[in-house]
Amino acid sequence: MENYVKNLNSKNRNSKASMIGVFTTHYGDEAVASALVAAEKNAKTTEAANTIKQLRKDQLSAWLTSKVSIDDVFHLLKFRDDGYAVLASSKMEVLDDYMRLFNREKSGHETLLDVLTKGYVGEGYLTKVLERGKKDASTSELATALENALFNKWSVENLRSEDVLKKLGLGRDMKKVLFDSNRDILTRYISMYNAKNAESMTSLIQTLSTHYGDGIVAGTLVIASWDKNTETLARQLRSDQLTEWLTSQTSVAEVFPRLKLGDDRYPDLIDPKVEVLDDYIKLFNREKSGQETCSMPLQRASVETTFF
């Protein structure tokens, strides 16, 4: 690249700006941008370094003149092809340079977080890229900074934990929550939220129950506790659910309708949620010196159904 630029420059010193067009037409935006960054860093002479630096500026100017948006540049540079490694690549440097130029010339206010969120089509995918990036020394600093910026953005917007659950793509399937790494992101946000909102503290189990309902959460956790891959997490969340009910002074009679026993998915006697009801009765009786049995709420429900 350096030798080619030198030769082309010496032959036609009046058409430097058009050189970028030639390169781009032949190689494409991404290849040219990456090659120029690498060539500038490896330039052996000041003249070559200055020439390549000018070509980099010409590329940015060409985009600006052509009304290319920052989001367009994200796609032109093929960010999504490189996974988390893009955080330490020359593409990131080029995107950042163009974002600064665009904001300055167009009075824009785009941030790197904004661009990446849109480019990765939402926070759900971006957070996965950042989580992987945090584990690599070459990308951990930027990945951590971007994740912190995302958390601060959510905090400033005063998002509830359920809002974040949806943004992370955890709001469509309760079973997916148990396997998805974004669950850890949600848990960390909840901790941050609680530290700033002592009057409205929440928890992961509360968030899941608010979104999916107690019955779906309880049934999913029972089944997940039979699977060695999710057993530990499921049992912990089952315990948290029972504790949450007890702490909020929920009676056994109130838990029964919440569980929606005998819904369309299971006959009464093999519904896995019966196990949850039984567990809560044992906890309730032990902590409240109660005398409830599993048959009592079932009998009440039967009487109410017959009466009405």
Protein backbone atom coordinates (compact mmCIF):
# COMPACT_ATOMS: atom_id res chain seq x y z
CA MET A 1 0.00 0.00 0.00
CA GLU A 2 2.74 2.46 0.96
CA ASN A 3 4.74 1.89 -2.26
CA TYR A 4 1.62 2.08 -4.41
CA VAL A 5 0.61 5.38 -2.82
CA LYS A 6 4.11 6.77 -3.33
CA ASN A 7 4.16 5.83 -7.03
CA LEU A 8 0.67 7.14 -7.66
CA ASN A 9 1.49 10.39 -5.89
CA SER A 10 4.62 11.02 -7.92
CA LYS A 11 2.75 10.45 -11.19
CA ASN A 12 -0.28 12.54 -10.42
CA ARG A 13 0.11 15.04 -7.61
CA ASN A 14 -3.07 16.89 -8.51
CA SER A 15 -5.54 14.07 -7.96
CA LYS A 16 -4.91 12.89 -4.41
CA ALA A 17 -8.57 13.14 -3.48
CA SER A 18 -9.59 10.89 -6.36
CA MET A 19 -7.20 8.18 -5.23
CA ILE A 20 -9.57 7.19 -2.43
CA GLY A 21 -12.32 6.72 -4.98
CA VAL A 22 -10.08 4.45 -7.05
CA PHE A 23 -9.10 2.35 -4.04
CA THR A 24 -12.66 2.13 -2.74
CA THR A 25 -14.13 1.13 -6.09
CA HIS A 26 -11.59 -1.66 -6.42
CA TYR A 27 -11.24 -2.92 -2.83
CA GLY A 28 -14.30 -1.66 -0.94
CA ASP A 29 -14.61 0.72 2.03
CA GLU A 30 -13.73 -1.79 4.73
CA ALA A 31 -10.56 -3.11 3.09
CA VAL A 32 -9.31 0.39 2.26
CA ALA A 33 -10.00 1.74 5.75
CA SER A 34 -8.24 -1.16 7.48
CA ALA A 35 -5.28 -1.08 5.08
CA LEU A 36 -4.75 2.66 5.54
CA VAL A 37 -4.72 2.41 9.34
CA ALA A 38 -2.21 -0.44 9.19
CA ALA A 39 -0.08 1.35 6.57
CA GLU A 40 0.05 4.54 8.62
CA LYS A 41 1.26 2.67 11.69
CA ASN A 42 3.94 0.86 9.67
CA ALA A 43 5.07 3.77 7.48
CA LYS A 44 8.85 3.96 7.24
CA THR A 45 9.13 7.64 6.30
CA THR A 46 7.44 10.83 7.44
CA GLU A 47 6.40 11.57 3.86
CA ALA A 48 4.66 8.23 3.52
CA ALA A 49 2.96 8.60 6.91
CA ASN A 50 1.66 12.06 5.99
CA THR A 51 0.40 10.85 2.61
CA ILE A 52 -1.46 7.93 4.15
CA LYS A 53 -2.85 10.15 6.91
CA GLN A 54 -4.21 12.46 4.19
CA LEU A 55 -5.79 9.50 2.41
CA ARG A 56 -7.54 8.53 5.64
CA LYS A 57 -8.89 12.08 5.90
CA ASP A 58 -9.96 11.91 2.26
CA GLN A 59 -11.94 8.76 2.95
CA LEU A 60 -13.77 10.39 5.84
CA SER A 61 -14.42 13.52 3.77
CA ALA A 62 -15.74 11.44 0.88
CA TRP A 63 -18.25 9.77 3.20
CA LEU A 64 -19.31 13.12 4.64
CA THR A 65 -19.72 14.68 1.19
CA SER A 66 -21.78 11.69 0.07
CA LYS A 67 -24.04 12.13 3.12
CA VAL A 68 -23.06 8.77 4.56
CA SER A 69 -24.36 8.46 8.13
CA ILE A 70 -22.36 7.07 11.04
CA ASP A 71 -24.71 4.09 11.05
CA ASP A 72 -23.94 3.54 7.36
CA VAL A 73 -20.22 3.49 8.13
CA PHE A 74 -20.81 0.82 10.79
CA HIS A 75 -22.21 -1.41 8.04
CA LEU A 76 -19.66 -0.36 5.40
CA LEU A 77 -16.90 -1.46 7.76
CA LYS A 78 -18.64 -4.80 8.34
CA PHE A 79 -18.47 -4.57 12.12
CA ARG A 80 -20.69 -7.57 12.71
CA ASP A 81 -18.29 -9.89 10.87
CA ASP A 82 -15.58 -9.68 13.54
CA GLY A 83 -17.42 -10.47 16.76
CA TYR A 84 -15.98 -8.93 19.91
CA ALA A 85 -12.51 -8.62 18.30
CA VAL A 86 -13.77 -5.56 16.42
CA LEU A 87 -13.39 -3.63 19.69
CA ALA A 88 -9.61 -3.72 19.24
CA SER A 89 -9.54 -3.47 15.45
CA SER A 90 -8.68 -0.64 13.09
CA LYS A 91 -12.37 -0.46 12.19
CA MET A 92 -13.14 0.96 15.62
CA GLU A 93 -10.55 3.69 15.12
CA VAL A 94 -12.02 4.61 11.73
CA LEU A 95 -15.59 4.63 13.06
CA ASP A 96 -14.58 6.83 15.97
CA ASP A 97 -12.74 9.26 13.67
CA TYR A 98 -15.76 9.54 11.39
CA MET A 99 -18.15 9.97 14.30
CA ARG A 100 -16.07 12.90 15.58
CA LEU A 101 -15.94 14.49 12.13
CA PHE A 102 -19.66 13.97 11.55
CA ASN A 103 -20.64 15.41 14.94
CA ARG A 104 -18.38 18.43 14.42
CA GLU A 105 -19.52 19.22 10.88
CA LYS A 106 -23.19 18.31 11.28
CA SER A 107 -23.65 19.48 14.88
CA GLY A 108 -24.47 15.91 15.79
CA HIS A 109 -24.52 14.28 19.22
CA GLU A 110 -23.97 10.63 18.37
CA THR A 111 -21.95 8.54 20.81
CA LEU A 112 -20.11 5.30 20.19
CA LEU A 113 -22.64 3.53 22.41
CA ASP A 114 -25.53 4.89 20.32
CA VAL A 115 -23.93 3.76 17.07
CA LEU A 116 -23.08 0.27 18.33
CA THR A 117 -26.53 -0.22 19.85
CA LYS A 118 -28.19 0.56 16.53
CA GLY A 119 -25.62 -1.38 14.54
CA TYR A 120 -26.13 -4.51 16.61
CA VAL A 121 -29.90 -4.00 16.48
CA GLY A 122 -30.41 -3.40 20.16
CA GLU A 123 -28.80 -3.92 23.54
CA GLY A 124 -29.49 -7.66 23.60
CA TYR A 125 -26.79 -8.51 21.06
CA LEU A 126 -24.43 -5.67 21.98
CA THR A 127 -24.17 -6.82 25.60
CA LYS A 128 -23.12 -10.29 24.45
CA VAL A 129 -20.32 -8.75 22.37
CA LEU A 130 -19.22 -6.65 25.35
CA GLU A 131 -19.31 -9.59 27.77
CA ARG A 132 -16.99 -11.58 25.53
CA GLY A 133 -14.82 -8.53 25.02
CA LYS A 134 -14.36 -8.09 28.77
CA LYS A 135 -12.64 -11.49 28.95
CA ASP A 136 -9.93 -10.58 26.43
CA ALA A 137 -7.07 -8.32 27.54
CA SER A 138 -6.96 -6.58 24.17
CA THR A 139 -10.62 -5.53 24.33
CA SER A 140 -11.50 -5.54 28.03
CA GLU A 141 -10.92 -1.82 28.66
CA LEU A 142 -13.24 -0.59 25.90
CA ALA A 143 -15.80 -3.34 26.52
CA THR A 144 -15.99 -2.46 30.22
CA ALA A 145 -16.26 1.27 29.48
CA LEU A 146 -19.09 0.70 27.01
CA GLU A 147 -20.95 -1.59 29.39
CA ASN A 148 -20.66 1.00 32.17
CA ALA A 149 -21.93 3.66 29.77
CA LEU A 150 -24.91 1.46 28.92
CA PHE A 151 -25.74 0.90 32.59
CA ASN A 152 -25.48 4.64 33.25
CA LYS A 153 -27.76 5.37 30.30
CA TRP A 154 -30.40 2.99 31.65
CA SER A 155 -30.02 4.52 35.10
CA VAL A 156 -30.42 8.09 33.81
CA GLU A 157 -33.53 6.97 31.93
CA ASN A 158 -34.70 5.42 35.22
CA LEU A 159 -35.55 2.14 33.52
CA ARG A 160 -37.24 -0.50 35.63
CA SER A 161 -35.71 -3.95 35.76
CA GLU A 162 -38.55 -5.28 33.60
CA ASP A 163 -37.73 -2.67 30.93
CA VAL A 164 -34.13 -3.85 30.88
CA LEU A 165 -35.25 -7.49 30.76
CA LYS A 166 -37.09 -6.69 27.52
CA LYS A 167 -34.18 -4.73 26.05
CA LEU A 168 -31.89 -7.70 26.71
CA GLY A 169 -34.18 -10.05 24.80
CA LEU A 170 -35.21 -11.98 27.92
CA GLY A 171 -38.90 -11.22 27.74
CA ARG A 172 -40.14 -13.83 25.30
CA ASP A 173 -39.30 -17.20 26.86
CA MET A 174 -38.82 -17.91 30.57
CA LYS A 175 -36.77 -21.03 29.77
CA LYS A 176 -34.32 -18.95 27.74
CA VAL A 177 -33.58 -16.76 30.77
CA LEU A 178 -31.92 -19.70 32.51
CA PHE A 179 -29.44 -20.23 29.68
CA ASP A 180 -28.88 -16.68 28.42
CA SER A 181 -25.74 -14.82 29.52
CA ASN A 182 -27.75 -11.58 29.49
CA ARG A 183 -29.34 -12.76 32.72
CA ASP A 184 -26.10 -11.74 34.45
CA ILE A 185 -26.35 -8.28 32.87
CA LEU A 186 -29.90 -7.95 34.21
CA THR A 187 -28.80 -9.08 37.68
CA ARG A 188 -26.02 -6.48 37.76
CA TYR A 189 -28.40 -3.75 36.65
CA ILE A 190 -30.83 -4.73 39.41
CA SER A 191 -28.02 -4.34 41.97
CA MET A 192 -27.19 -0.91 40.55
CA TYR A 193 -30.87 0.08 40.52
CA ASN A 194 -31.37 -1.02 44.13
CA ALA A 195 -28.35 0.99 45.28
CA LYS A 196 -29.97 4.13 43.88
CA ASN A 197 -33.62 3.35 44.62
CA ALA A 198 -33.87 2.10 48.18
CA GLU A 199 -37.61 2.85 48.25
CA SER A 200 -38.41 0.57 45.31
CA MET A 201 -35.86 -2.24 45.50
CA THR A 202 -36.45 -5.34 43.43
CA SER A 203 -34.82 -8.68 42.63
CA LEU A 204 -34.37 -11.04 39.70
CA ILE A 205 -37.21 -13.30 40.85
CA GLN A 206 -39.54 -10.32 41.31
CA THR A 207 -38.67 -9.07 37.85
CA LEU A 208 -39.34 -12.46 36.27
CA SER A 209 -42.60 -12.89 38.18
CA THR A 210 -43.82 -9.42 37.23
CA HIS A 211 -43.16 -10.12 33.58
CA TYR A 212 -44.15 -13.77 33.20
CA GLY A 213 -46.43 -14.31 36.18
CA ASP A 214 -45.83 -16.53 39.23
CA GLY A 215 -47.31 -19.62 37.61
CA ILE A 216 -45.09 -19.67 34.53
CA VAL A 217 -42.00 -18.86 36.57
CA ALA A 218 -42.74 -21.55 39.17
CA GLY A 219 -43.51 -24.27 36.62
CA THR A 220 -40.46 -23.47 34.52
CA LEU A 221 -38.18 -23.52 37.55
CA VAL A 222 -39.45 -26.89 38.76
CA ILE A 223 -38.77 -28.50 35.39
CA ALA A 224 -35.41 -26.72 35.12
CA SER A 225 -34.41 -28.07 38.54
CA TRP A 226 -34.57 -31.59 37.08
CA ASP A 227 -31.92 -30.69 34.49
CA LYS A 228 -28.30 -30.84 35.68
CA ASN A 229 -27.43 -27.89 33.42
CA THR A 230 -29.86 -25.56 35.16
CA GLU A 231 -30.45 -27.31 38.48
CA THR A 232 -28.37 -25.01 40.71
CA LEU A 233 -29.78 -21.76 39.33
CA ALA A 234 -33.34 -23.08 39.22
CA ARG A 235 -33.26 -24.26 42.83
CA GLN A 236 -31.89 -20.91 43.97
CA LEU A 237 -34.61 -19.02 42.13
CA ARG A 238 -37.26 -21.41 43.50
CA SER A 239 -36.04 -20.64 46.99
CA ASP A 240 -36.06 -16.91 46.21
CA GLN A 241 -39.65 -17.14 44.98
CA LEU A 242 -40.85 -18.81 48.19
CA THR A 243 -38.93 -16.32 50.33
CA GLU A 244 -40.41 -13.42 48.37
CA TRP A 245 -43.94 -14.66 49.02
CA LEU A 246 -43.26 -15.18 52.71
CA THR A 247 -41.62 -11.76 53.12
CA SER A 248 -44.56 -10.05 51.42
CA GLN A 249 -47.00 -11.78 53.81
CA THR A 250 -48.59 -13.87 51.04
CA SER A 251 -50.89 -16.56 52.42
CA VAL A 252 -51.12 -20.10 51.07
CA ALA A 253 -54.63 -19.30 49.87
CA GLU A 254 -53.25 -16.38 47.84
CA VAL A 255 -50.44 -18.44 46.32
CA PHE A 256 -52.83 -21.05 44.94
CA PRO A 257 -54.51 -18.81 42.31
CA ARG A 258 -51.17 -17.23 41.43
CA LEU A 259 -49.81 -20.62 40.43
CA LYS A 260 -52.80 -21.28 38.16
CA LEU A 261 -52.78 -24.96 38.99
CA GLY A 262 -54.55 -27.14 36.49
CA ASP A 263 -54.11 -24.73 33.60
CA ASP A 264 -54.29 -25.98 30.04
CA ARG A 265 -50.78 -27.40 30.07
CA TYR A 266 -51.07 -29.85 32.97
CA PRO A 267 -53.79 -31.89 34.73
CA ASP A 268 -54.02 -30.94 38.42
CA LEU A 269 -52.26 -33.96 39.91
CA ILE A 270 -49.17 -33.93 37.67
CA ASP A 271 -48.79 -30.17 37.42
CA PRO A 272 -45.18 -29.46 38.52
CA LYS A 273 -46.46 -26.36 40.29
CA VAL A 274 -48.08 -28.61 42.92
CA GLU A 275 -44.52 -29.20 44.13
CA VAL A 276 -44.10 -25.43 44.55
CA LEU A 277 -47.35 -25.17 46.49
CA ASP A 278 -46.24 -28.01 48.75
CA ASP A 279 -42.84 -26.36 49.31
CA TYR A 280 -44.49 -23.07 50.23
CA ILE A 281 -46.90 -24.72 52.63
CA LYS A 282 -43.97 -26.35 54.45
CA LEU A 283 -42.10 -23.05 54.62
CA PHE A 284 -45.20 -21.13 55.69
CA ASN A 285 -46.09 -23.60 58.43
CA ARG A 286 -42.52 -23.66 59.74
CA GLU A 287 -42.06 -19.89 59.80
CA LYS A 288 -45.61 -18.88 60.73
CA SER A 289 -46.50 -21.86 62.94
CA GLY A 290 -49.31 -22.62 60.52
CA GLN A 291 -51.37 -25.77 59.98
CA GLU A 292 -51.96 -25.56 56.23
CA THR A 293 -52.00 -28.70 54.08
CA CYS A 294 -51.83 -29.13 50.34
CA SER A 295 -55.44 -30.32 50.19
CA MET A 296 -56.85 -27.22 51.90
CA PRO A 297 -56.32 -24.70 49.07
CA LEU A 298 -57.41 -27.34 46.56
CA GLN A 299 -60.62 -27.90 48.53
CA ARG A 300 -61.23 -24.14 48.76
CA ALA A 301 -60.79 -23.79 45.02
CA SER A 302 -63.18 -26.67 44.40
CA VAL A 303 -65.83 -25.13 46.67
CA GLU A 304 -65.48 -21.71 45.03
CA THR A 305 -65.74 -23.22 41.55
CA THR A 306 -68.87 -25.19 42.50
CA PHE A 307 -70.50 -22.20 44.19
CA PHE A 308 -69.94 -19.76 41.37
